[in-house]
């Protein structure tokens, strides 16, 4: 007798977990905030459930609408401030509530500095396990702020788009790609505002089509403006989807006429459908391929794609503190991992016997060598490659560093580099960080051999949630 084939049952859809939460999306509640998170959003609890509220400050009573929920926390939109913090101030920027560039303009500046110091302490304690209060606590100094925390940025990267048939350019609304059309940004150097406004006017006049990232059409994607704060030199970078620019000569002539300080006009071509700003091809349309600026006594050439700190005033403070923590007296050998275009290396070379810098980006090392030559600094050696590969090779050549300086990206140091540092055992490690959480993680690993001596937060980005730190670690037994 023939067997009847069993009918295959269709796979059941995955069951979504159901959480018993005290709030629902769309619900309006009142709550009291107890602090700020690392992004500058207010943190509060409603019936024991944690809510993050952008725009709210610590110690406020607020009315909010629930926007998004997860098992242990959710996000809410600020509707009203029922009882305001004594540190709440009126934001100076007219588009603060819509632009995602600044998150703390509504917080008094001195309180911003205190908040950033606390963020560093919280991460060191929670992630690194370091004591930050009481006897035996790590010294976390007050955040070094700016006398005038406005107009500090020497670089603007402005997306260009189209709204209601008109060309617009500005910054994205928070957590979106909606462009908020802006003619002036109060944390940008005024020269950058002038460049962006001029290019927007000229492109509209010459009918140069703005980029549409959804349809991947149009020509002009971004305008990047750079200014040498000490020299006054200005670079204009036009990011386009293709090489050909209609009425190119008219465009160049108009930019030169309307931005008299311009010394360099550059085109970068990015034909890809991507959120990455720069493409691989860069050509100079007019003038020099670099502009120049100084940090302290050191002169730097800045190309269109060079990484260069955006706040020159605070950068000098940061680098002087790095030099101080390195403890250089003229006899030391120092390795600078993640050296970029040589900014920290050349600062260290002022007082070290020799500095070795390593960076994985070849163009950055080319800039570093050019900057060393520009300043007549001969006691530096730069190499291209991964720090965790190049530094052991230097060790095989007999190079023994007294100090290793690291200035990694936000993701922190590669684990192999931390292992290399522990194997090399320099007397001092100086860590420059732009991310307190990855800083704390890496310091915990190094603490097997090194004692964390002190931490200096520096406010490189006023009115935002970001904080930079420079820290000193000393090998146990190396010095009293």
Protein backbone atom coordinates (compact mmCIF):
# COMPACT_ATOMS: atom_id res chain seq x y z
CA UNK A 1 0.00 0.00 0.00
CA UNK A 2 1.47 3.36 -1.05
CA UNK A 3 2.41 5.68 1.76
CA UNK A 4 0.74 9.04 1.85
CA UNK A 5 3.34 11.84 1.72
CA UNK A 6 3.29 13.98 4.81
CA UNK A 7 2.41 17.57 4.13
CA UNK A 8 5.26 19.84 5.18
CA UNK A 9 4.19 22.49 7.59
CA UNK A 10 5.32 26.01 6.82
CA UNK A 11 7.89 27.39 9.28
CA UNK A 12 6.41 29.37 12.12
CA UNK A 13 7.37 33.02 12.25
CA UNK A 14 9.77 33.85 15.09
CA UNK A 15 7.99 34.84 18.25
CA UNK A 16 8.76 38.39 19.28
CA UNK A 17 9.59 38.71 22.96
CA UNK A 18 6.89 40.45 24.96
CA UNK A 19 8.09 42.61 27.80
CA UNK A 20 5.94 43.75 30.66
CA UNK A 21 6.82 47.44 30.47
CA UNK A 22 5.27 50.29 32.45
CA UNK A 23 5.07 52.47 29.31
CA UNK A 24 3.86 52.16 25.73
CA UNK A 25 4.93 53.96 22.56
CA UNK A 26 2.91 57.16 22.24
CA UNK A 27 2.16 57.41 25.95
CA UNK A 28 2.76 60.81 27.61
CA UNK A 29 4.27 60.73 31.11
CA UNK A 30 5.99 63.01 33.60
CA UNK A 31 9.30 62.08 35.18
CA UNK A 32 12.31 63.51 36.98
CA UNK A 33 15.75 63.31 35.36
CA UNK A 34 18.77 62.32 37.42
CA UNK A 35 21.65 62.87 35.00
CA UNK A 36 22.93 63.04 31.42
CA UNK A 37 24.29 60.21 29.29
CA UNK A 38 27.42 60.41 27.12
CA UNK A 39 25.39 61.85 24.22
CA UNK A 40 23.99 64.65 26.40
CA UNK A 41 20.47 63.24 26.69
CA UNK A 42 18.62 63.47 29.98
CA UNK A 43 18.27 60.20 31.92
CA UNK A 44 15.26 59.50 34.12
CA UNK A 45 13.05 56.68 35.39
CA UNK A 46 9.32 56.12 35.14
CA UNK A 47 8.12 53.41 37.51
CA UNK A 48 11.65 52.01 37.56
CA UNK A 49 12.03 52.00 33.75
CA UNK A 50 14.94 54.01 32.33
CA UNK A 51 14.16 56.62 29.69
CA UNK A 52 16.57 58.74 27.66
CA UNK A 53 15.24 62.19 26.78
CA UNK A 54 17.26 64.39 24.35
CA UNK A 55 16.95 68.04 25.34
CA UNK A 56 16.32 67.35 29.02
CA UNK A 57 18.91 68.19 31.68
CA UNK A 58 19.74 66.63 35.02
CA UNK A 59 17.45 67.46 37.98
CA UNK A 60 14.50 68.53 35.86
CA UNK A 61 10.86 67.51 35.90
CA UNK A 62 9.73 66.98 32.32
CA UNK A 63 6.71 65.85 30.33
CA UNK A 64 7.66 63.42 27.57
CA UNK A 65 6.14 61.18 24.91
CA UNK A 66 7.45 57.62 24.60
CA UNK A 67 9.02 57.15 21.15
CA UNK A 68 10.77 53.76 21.31
CA UNK A 69 11.04 50.96 23.86
CA UNK A 70 13.41 48.09 24.57
CA UNK A 71 13.52 45.55 27.38
CA UNK A 72 15.59 47.62 29.82
CA UNK A 73 15.31 51.18 28.52
CA UNK A 74 13.49 53.44 26.09
CA UNK A 75 13.64 56.80 24.34
CA UNK A 76 11.24 59.70 24.75
CA UNK A 77 10.63 63.06 23.12
CA UNK A 78 10.70 66.15 25.34
CA UNK A 79 7.34 67.94 25.27
CA UNK A 80 7.59 70.39 28.21
CA UNK A 81 10.01 71.31 30.96
CA UNK A 82 7.80 71.42 34.05
CA UNK A 83 10.61 72.36 36.44
CA UNK A 84 13.87 73.55 34.86
CA UNK A 85 17.45 72.94 35.99
CA UNK A 86 19.23 76.03 37.38
CA UNK A 87 21.89 75.37 34.74
CA UNK A 88 19.47 75.54 31.78
CA UNK A 89 20.24 78.45 29.42
CA UNK A 90 18.74 79.72 26.18
CA UNK A 91 20.63 78.17 23.21
CA UNK A 92 22.42 80.83 21.14
CA UNK A 93 21.83 79.03 17.83
CA UNK A 94 18.40 79.59 16.20
CA UNK A 95 18.31 76.04 14.75
CA UNK A 96 19.57 74.26 17.89
CA UNK A 97 16.29 72.38 18.36
CA UNK A 98 16.42 70.95 14.81
CA UNK A 99 20.13 70.52 14.00
CA UNK A 100 21.92 67.41 15.26
CA UNK A 101 25.33 69.12 15.47
CA UNK A 102 25.22 70.32 19.09
CA UNK A 103 23.55 68.55 22.00
CA UNK A 104 24.47 70.75 24.99
CA UNK A 105 23.95 74.39 23.99
CA UNK A 106 21.08 74.57 26.50
CA UNK A 107 23.46 73.71 29.38
CA UNK A 108 25.59 76.45 30.98
CA UNK A 109 29.18 76.07 29.79
CA UNK A 110 30.77 75.57 33.23
CA UNK A 111 28.28 72.78 33.86
CA UNK A 112 29.16 71.22 30.49
CA UNK A 113 32.76 70.99 31.69
CA UNK A 114 31.73 69.39 35.00
CA UNK A 115 29.50 66.91 33.14
CA UNK A 116 32.36 65.85 30.86
CA UNK A 117 34.66 65.26 33.82
CA UNK A 118 31.93 63.09 35.36
CA UNK A 119 31.48 61.11 32.13
CA UNK A 120 35.21 60.26 32.22
CA UNK A 121 35.02 59.25 35.89
CA UNK A 122 31.93 57.11 35.32
CA UNK A 123 33.59 55.17 32.49
CA UNK A 124 36.83 54.66 34.39
CA UNK A 125 34.89 53.26 37.36
CA UNK A 126 32.25 51.24 35.49
CA UNK A 127 34.35 49.79 32.63
CA UNK A 128 37.92 50.04 33.89
CA UNK A 129 37.29 49.27 37.56
CA UNK A 130 39.42 52.25 38.66
CA UNK A 131 38.61 54.06 41.92
CA UNK A 132 37.70 57.69 41.20
CA UNK A 133 36.49 58.82 44.62
CA UNK A 134 37.97 58.65 48.10
CA UNK A 135 41.35 57.43 49.31
CA UNK A 136 43.58 55.98 46.60
CA UNK A 137 41.41 57.40 43.81
CA UNK A 138 42.81 58.12 40.37
CA UNK A 139 43.26 61.86 39.81
CA UNK A 140 40.77 63.03 37.18
CA UNK A 141 41.40 66.74 36.78
CA UNK A 142 38.63 69.25 36.00
CA UNK A 143 37.98 69.57 32.26
CA UNK A 144 40.02 72.29 30.60
CA UNK A 145 37.54 74.49 28.76
CA UNK A 146 37.72 77.48 26.43
CA UNK A 147 37.58 81.15 27.37
CA UNK A 148 35.37 81.69 24.32
CA UNK A 149 33.68 78.39 23.36
CA UNK A 150 32.32 79.60 20.00
CA UNK A 151 33.56 79.73 16.40
CA UNK A 152 36.27 77.17 17.17
CA UNK A 153 35.93 74.65 14.32
CA UNK A 154 38.45 75.03 11.50
CA UNK A 155 36.69 72.53 9.22
CA UNK A 156 33.11 72.23 7.95
CA UNK A 157 31.75 69.23 6.03
CA UNK A 158 28.37 70.26 4.67
CA UNK A 159 26.03 67.94 2.72
CA UNK A 160 24.29 69.51 -0.27
CA UNK A 161 20.78 68.56 -1.35
CA UNK A 162 17.53 69.84 -2.80
CA UNK A 163 14.33 70.85 -1.01
CA UNK A 164 11.26 72.13 -2.84
CA UNK A 165 13.31 72.70 -5.97
CA UNK A 166 15.99 74.78 -4.23
CA UNK A 167 19.61 73.88 -3.47
CA UNK A 168 20.23 73.61 0.28
CA UNK A 169 23.23 72.88 2.45
CA UNK A 170 23.63 72.56 6.17
CA UNK A 171 23.82 69.83 8.78
CA UNK A 172 21.67 66.78 9.35
CA UNK A 173 18.80 66.76 11.82
CA UNK A 174 19.51 64.41 14.73
CA UNK A 175 19.44 60.71 13.79
CA UNK A 176 18.40 61.45 10.20
CA UNK A 177 19.65 62.46 6.77
CA UNK A 178 17.29 65.41 6.55
CA UNK A 179 19.39 68.49 5.77
CA UNK A 180 18.70 71.56 7.90
CA UNK A 181 19.56 74.49 5.61
CA UNK A 182 21.99 76.71 7.53
CA UNK A 183 23.73 79.95 6.57
CA UNK A 184 25.66 80.35 9.85
CA UNK A 185 26.89 77.87 12.46
CA UNK A 186 28.04 79.36 15.75
CA UNK A 187 30.71 76.73 16.40
CA UNK A 188 32.25 77.09 12.92
CA UNK A 189 35.01 79.54 12.07
CA UNK A 190 33.34 82.42 10.25
CA UNK A 191 35.45 81.76 7.14
CA UNK A 192 33.83 78.32 6.81
CA UNK A 193 30.36 79.88 6.93
CA UNK A 194 31.39 82.30 4.19
CA UNK A 195 32.69 79.48 1.98
CA UNK A 196 29.57 77.34 2.31
CA UNK A 197 27.19 80.26 1.75
CA UNK A 198 29.15 81.41 -1.31
CA UNK A 199 29.30 77.95 -2.93
CA UNK A 200 25.56 77.46 -2.36
CA UNK A 201 24.79 80.80 -4.05
CA UNK A 202 27.16 80.19 -6.93
CA UNK A 203 26.07 76.59 -7.57
CA UNK A 204 22.41 77.64 -7.62
CA UNK A 205 23.22 80.53 -10.00
CA UNK A 206 25.19 78.26 -12.37
CA UNK A 207 22.51 75.53 -12.17
CA UNK A 208 24.94 72.94 -10.77
CA UNK A 209 22.68 70.10 -9.68
CA UNK A 210 22.69 69.09 -5.99
CA UNK A 211 23.03 65.44 -5.06
CA UNK A 212 19.96 63.33 -4.30
CA UNK A 213 21.14 60.44 -2.12
CA UNK A 214 17.93 58.45 -2.56
CA UNK A 215 17.92 58.49 -6.36
CA UNK A 216 21.73 58.80 -6.58
CA UNK A 217 21.47 61.68 -9.04
CA UNK A 218 22.96 65.14 -9.23
CA UNK A 219 26.54 66.38 -9.09
CA UNK A 220 27.44 68.35 -5.93
CA UNK A 221 27.45 66.08 -2.83
CA UNK A 222 29.33 68.06 -0.17
CA UNK A 223 31.21 71.28 0.37
CA UNK A 224 34.19 70.98 2.70
CA UNK A 225 35.75 74.20 3.98
CA UNK A 226 39.07 74.36 5.86
CA UNK A 227 40.75 77.40 7.37
CA UNK A 228 44.17 77.94 8.90
CA UNK A 229 43.23 79.68 12.15
CA UNK A 230 46.66 81.33 12.48
CA UNK A 231 47.42 81.89 8.78
CA UNK A 232 43.92 82.78 7.56
CA UNK A 233 44.37 80.57 4.48
CA UNK A 234 41.16 78.96 3.18
CA UNK A 235 40.61 75.73 1.23
CA UNK A 236 37.38 74.88 -0.62
CA UNK A 237 36.76 71.22 -1.44
CA UNK A 238 33.90 70.32 -3.78
CA UNK A 239 32.80 66.67 -3.49
CA UNK A 240 31.16 65.62 -6.77
CA UNK A 241 29.72 62.44 -8.25
CA UNK A 242 31.75 62.73 -11.46
CA UNK A 243 34.80 64.49 -12.91
CA UNK A 244 32.98 66.90 -15.21
CA UNK A 245 31.76 70.15 -13.65
CA UNK A 246 29.66 72.32 -15.98
CA UNK A 247 30.90 75.92 -16.20
CA UNK A 248 33.90 74.92 -14.11
CA UNK A 249 35.94 78.04 -14.91
CA UNK A 250 33.01 80.31 -14.03
CA UNK A 251 32.61 78.41 -10.76
CA UNK A 252 36.29 78.82 -9.85
CA UNK A 253 36.30 82.50 -10.80
CA UNK A 254 33.15 83.17 -8.74
CA UNK A 255 34.54 81.38 -5.65
CA UNK A 256 37.76 83.41 -5.88
CA UNK A 257 35.80 86.62 -6.22
CA UNK A 258 33.31 85.95 -3.42
CA UNK A 259 35.79 84.35 -0.99
CA UNK A 260 38.91 86.58 -1.21
CA UNK A 261 40.83 84.58 1.42
CA UNK A 262 40.70 81.35 -0.62
CA UNK A 263 44.12 79.95 -1.54
CA UNK A 264 43.08 76.47 -2.65
CA UNK A 265 40.11 75.07 -4.60
CA UNK A 266 40.03 71.26 -4.79
CA UNK A 267 37.66 68.70 -6.33
CA UNK A 268 37.16 65.24 -4.90
CA UNK A 269 35.22 62.68 -6.94
CA UNK A 270 33.00 60.17 -5.16
CA UNK A 271 30.74 58.27 -7.61
CA UNK A 272 29.63 55.63 -5.08
CA UNK A 273 26.23 55.29 -3.41
CA UNK A 274 27.59 55.61 0.11
CA UNK A 275 27.55 57.72 3.25
CA UNK A 276 31.35 58.05 3.08
CA UNK A 277 32.14 61.65 2.18
CA UNK A 278 35.38 61.39 0.21
CA UNK A 279 36.11 59.34 -2.89
CA UNK A 280 39.51 58.12 -4.08
CA UNK A 281 40.25 60.80 -6.68
CA UNK A 282 41.35 64.31 -5.68
CA UNK A 283 42.47 67.08 -8.05
CA UNK A 284 43.44 70.68 -7.42
CA UNK A 285 41.32 73.03 -9.56
CA UNK A 286 43.11 76.25 -8.59
CA UNK A 287 45.85 77.42 -6.23
CA UNK A 288 47.83 75.25 -3.83
CA UNK A 289 47.02 71.66 -2.96
CA UNK A 290 47.48 72.50 0.75
CA UNK A 291 46.89 75.26 3.25
CA UNK A 292 49.11 75.91 6.26
CA UNK A 293 48.46 76.36 9.96
CA UNK A 294 50.37 76.27 13.25
CA UNK A 295 49.92 74.41 16.51
CA UNK A 296 52.23 76.17 18.90
CA UNK A 297 55.53 76.67 17.05
CA UNK A 298 54.99 73.76 14.63
CA UNK A 299 53.79 74.49 11.10
CA UNK A 300 51.54 71.99 9.31
CA UNK A 301 50.54 71.49 5.69
CA UNK A 302 46.87 70.48 5.48
CA UNK A 303 45.61 68.76 2.33
CA UNK A 304 42.00 68.09 1.34
CA UNK A 305 41.98 64.68 3.00
CA UNK A 306 44.41 65.29 5.87
CA UNK A 307 43.17 64.57 9.36
CA UNK A 308 43.86 67.67 11.42
CA UNK A 309 42.32 68.51 14.80
CA UNK A 310 39.36 70.86 14.32
CA UNK A 311 39.94 73.01 17.42
CA UNK A 312 43.45 74.52 17.19
CA UNK A 313 43.25 76.39 20.52
CA UNK A 314 42.42 73.28 22.53
CA UNK A 315 44.71 71.08 20.42
CA UNK A 316 47.71 73.09 21.60
CA UNK A 317 46.60 72.54 25.22
CA UNK A 318 46.10 68.81 24.57
CA UNK A 319 49.50 68.39 22.91
CA UNK A 320 51.34 70.38 25.56
CA UNK A 321 49.81 68.09 28.18
CA UNK A 322 50.90 65.07 26.10
CA UNK A 323 54.44 66.48 26.01
CA UNK A 324 54.35 67.05 29.78
CA UNK A 325 53.13 63.51 30.51
CA UNK A 326 55.81 62.04 28.20
CA UNK A 327 58.37 63.57 30.58
CA UNK A 328 60.85 64.16 27.75
CA UNK A 329 64.17 65.70 28.77
CA UNK A 330 66.12 65.31 25.53
CA UNK A 331 67.42 61.77 25.97
CA UNK A 332 64.26 59.72 25.44
CA UNK A 333 63.18 57.50 22.57
CA UNK A 334 59.43 57.85 21.99
CA UNK A 335 57.08 55.85 19.77
CA UNK A 336 53.91 57.57 18.55
CA UNK A 337 51.33 54.99 17.47
CA UNK A 338 48.50 56.22 15.21
CA UNK A 339 50.67 59.24 14.37
CA UNK A 340 48.50 60.57 11.51
CA UNK A 341 50.16 63.51 9.76
CA UNK A 342 52.73 63.76 12.56
CA UNK A 343 51.08 66.39 14.74
CA UNK A 344 51.89 64.80 18.12
CA UNK A 345 55.20 63.31 16.87
CA UNK A 346 56.56 66.71 15.88
CA UNK A 347 55.43 68.20 19.20
CA UNK A 348 57.27 65.43 21.06
CA UNK A 349 60.38 65.84 18.90
CA UNK A 350 60.92 69.29 20.42
CA UNK A 351 62.16 67.66 23.65
CA UNK A 352 62.90 64.01 22.79
CA UNK A 353 66.06 62.43 21.47
CA UNK A 354 64.16 60.63 18.70
CA UNK A 355 60.52 60.00 17.87
CA UNK A 356 59.22 57.08 15.77
CA UNK A 357 55.75 57.50 14.31
CA UNK A 358 53.64 54.78 12.72
CA UNK A 359 50.36 55.11 10.81
CA UNK A 360 48.50 52.70 8.53
CA UNK A 361 47.43 55.38 6.00
CA UNK A 362 50.21 56.02 3.42
CA UNK A 363 48.95 59.52 2.53
CA UNK A 364 49.15 60.53 6.19
CA UNK A 365 52.76 59.40 6.45
CA UNK A 366 53.58 61.36 3.28
CA UNK A 367 52.09 64.43 4.99
CA UNK A 368 54.02 63.64 8.19
CA UNK A 369 57.33 63.54 6.33
CA UNK A 370 56.45 66.78 4.55
CA UNK A 371 55.59 68.44 7.86
CA UNK A 372 58.88 67.29 9.42
CA UNK A 373 60.79 68.77 6.48
CA UNK A 374 58.70 71.93 6.62
CA UNK A 375 59.82 72.51 10.23
CA UNK A 376 63.41 71.33 9.79
CA UNK A 377 62.87 68.55 12.33
CA UNK A 378 65.30 65.68 11.72
CA UNK A 379 64.92 63.56 14.88
CA UNK A 380 61.76 61.79 13.65
CA UNK A 381 61.21 58.61 11.65
CA UNK A 382 57.84 57.74 10.13
CA UNK A 383 56.68 54.33 8.89
CA UNK A 384 53.57 53.06 7.09
CA UNK A 385 51.84 50.06 8.58
CA UNK A 386 49.83 48.65 11.46
CA UNK A 387 51.33 49.72 14.78
CA UNK A 388 51.11 46.19 16.20
CA UNK A 389 53.27 44.95 13.29
CA UNK A 390 55.72 47.84 12.85
CA UNK A 391 56.54 48.37 16.54
CA UNK A 392 57.70 44.74 17.11
CA UNK A 393 59.84 45.07 13.96
CA UNK A 394 61.44 48.17 15.48
CA UNK A 395 62.07 46.14 18.65
CA UNK A 396 63.92 43.54 16.56
CA UNK A 397 66.09 46.37 15.22
CA UNK A 398 67.08 47.27 18.78
CA UNK A 399 64.74 50.24 19.26
CA UNK A 400 63.69 50.43 22.92
CA UNK A 401 61.16 53.19 23.63
CA UNK A 402 61.11 54.99 26.97
CA UNK A 403 57.61 56.25 26.18
CA UNK A 404 54.82 55.01 23.90
CA UNK A 405 52.12 57.51 22.94
CA UNK A 406 48.82 56.31 21.45
CA UNK A 407 46.08 58.44 19.89
CA UNK A 408 43.66 55.90 18.42
CA UNK A 409 40.29 56.40 16.69
CA UNK A 410 37.04 56.09 18.66
CA UNK A 411 37.17 52.29 18.63
CA UNK A 412 40.32 52.44 20.77
CA UNK A 413 43.56 50.50 20.45
CA UNK A 414 43.88 47.24 18.60
CA UNK A 415 44.25 44.43 21.15
CA UNK A 416 47.48 43.33 19.46
CA UNK A 417 48.93 46.82 20.02
CA UNK A 418 48.11 46.67 23.73
CA UNK A 419 49.87 43.29 23.90
CA UNK A 420 52.86 44.82 22.09
CA UNK A 421 53.01 47.68 24.63
CA UNK A 422 52.99 45.19 27.51
CA UNK A 423 55.80 43.27 25.82
CA UNK A 424 57.87 46.39 25.06
CA UNK A 425 57.46 47.66 28.66
CA UNK A 426 58.24 51.37 28.16
CA UNK A 427 58.50 53.37 31.38
CA UNK A 428 55.52 55.51 30.42
CA UNK A 429 52.39 55.18 28.31
CA UNK A 430 50.58 58.37 27.31
CA UNK A 431 47.11 57.73 25.92
CA UNK A 432 45.19 60.43 24.02
CA UNK A 433 41.53 59.45 23.70
CA UNK A 434 38.36 60.76 22.09
CA UNK A 435 36.15 58.04 23.62
CA UNK A 436 36.05 57.55 27.42
CA UNK A 437 34.51 54.06 27.19
CA UNK A 438 37.16 52.52 24.93
CA UNK A 439 39.81 54.43 26.90
CA UNK A 440 38.66 52.76 30.14
CA UNK A 441 38.58 49.34 28.45
CA UNK A 442 42.16 49.70 27.16
CA UNK A 443 43.52 51.10 30.43
CA UNK A 444 42.13 48.10 32.28
CA UNK A 445 44.25 45.83 30.07
CA UNK A 446 47.38 47.95 30.54
CA UNK A 447 46.83 48.13 34.31
CA UNK A 448 48.30 44.62 34.63
CA UNK A 449 51.70 46.29 34.33
CA UNK A 450 51.03 50.03 34.55
CA UNK A 451 49.68 52.32 37.22
CA UNK A 452 47.19 54.96 36.10
CA UNK A 453 48.61 58.22 37.48
CA UNK A 454 46.33 60.99 36.22
CA UNK A 455 43.71 61.91 33.67
CA UNK A 456 43.22 65.33 32.06
CA UNK A 457 39.94 65.88 30.16
CA UNK A 458 40.07 68.64 27.53
CA UNK A 459 36.97 70.19 25.96
CA UNK A 460 37.82 69.97 22.27
CA UNK A 461 34.17 70.19 21.18
CA UNK A 462 32.20 72.70 23.28
CA UNK A 463 28.39 72.37 23.23
CA UNK A 464 28.59 68.72 22.15
CA UNK A 465 28.73 65.56 24.24
CA UNK A 466 32.29 64.70 23.15
CA UNK A 467 35.28 64.92 25.47
CA UNK A 468 38.97 64.32 24.77
CA UNK A 469 41.38 63.02 27.41
CA UNK A 470 45.11 62.62 27.83
CA UNK A 471 46.26 60.16 30.49
CA UNK A 472 49.57 59.11 32.04
CA UNK A 473 50.41 55.54 32.99
CA UNK A 474 53.74 54.60 34.58
CA UNK A 475 55.21 51.11 34.69
CA UNK A 476 55.14 49.77 38.22
CA UNK A 477 58.59 50.08 39.73
CA UNK A 478 59.81 52.47 37.03
CA UNK A 479 59.65 55.55 39.26
CA UNK A 480 58.35 56.55 42.65
